[in-house]
Every structure is written in structure tokens, then in C-alpha cells.
């Protein structure tokens, strides 16, 4: 988390204060994760996830994904999008700008770890696949 930003709670709602205690994001969220790569995962009271920046601007809009990694790893996060045709959520990987790096098609993508970016395990059904973020992105870490 950006050391200058502190998450606080008021009346069961979360917001952010700066190092002087000035409120920079009013307490409006049901859940808020520490800032990572310049963004914070938040959830509103409709149970919708989004990523916001330190100015409370939506980087990834509310409700676009049904689940998101709480923290980015080197600028990447796993997301799940519910797909009615499959009656389940499918995984993909986005960057901090919301660009889709790995398409939403996997039943499971293992936890991201910068030491394994060349060989991230992913599954479609029982079929094992390996994702190489180095090749997909030319590894432009944020």
C-alpha cells in the first residue's frame, strides 16, 4: 500500500485518509483493499467489485467482474466474469488499466507470482494449460 494512504472505517464504511489524516476518499465502500500498483479493489453495498485510483476514479467499473484479485502482482490481476452460457465464472488476467491480457476463458488460473510468470498454471475443465505472461506482454511490469 502507498504508505501515505491509510484505509479507515466509519459507520461500517471504508475510505482513505492521507498521512495528515485528511479524508481523500469518503467512507462509501463496504470493502476496500490496500492500494497496489496505484489502484485499490473496492466493493459497494450491491456487492459489485471495482478498482479505483487514489482520486476515487473508477479504473475498472463496478460490476464488470464478479471477483477480482485483491492485489495486483507486477501490474496484473486475475478476474472472474460470470458467463451465463457456462453457468459459471471464467478467469482471465487484466492489467492496471483494465486491458484484458489473458482472455476470460479459464475455469481456474493459479495465484499470480512474479517468479512463475513464464509458466502460470491454468485449466479449462481438466485440461492443464500454461500461460506465459512474459510472451504475452513482453513483460512490461508496472
Foldseek 3Di string as FASTA:
>chain_A
DPVQWDWDDDPQFIFIAGVVRHTQGPRAFNDWADDAPQWIWTAGPVRWIFIAGSNRHTLGDTNQFNDKDGYADLFKIKTWHQDVVVNGTFIFMAGSNRHTQGDRQFPDWDDDDPVQLQFTWTHDVPDTDGHRSCVSPVSPGD
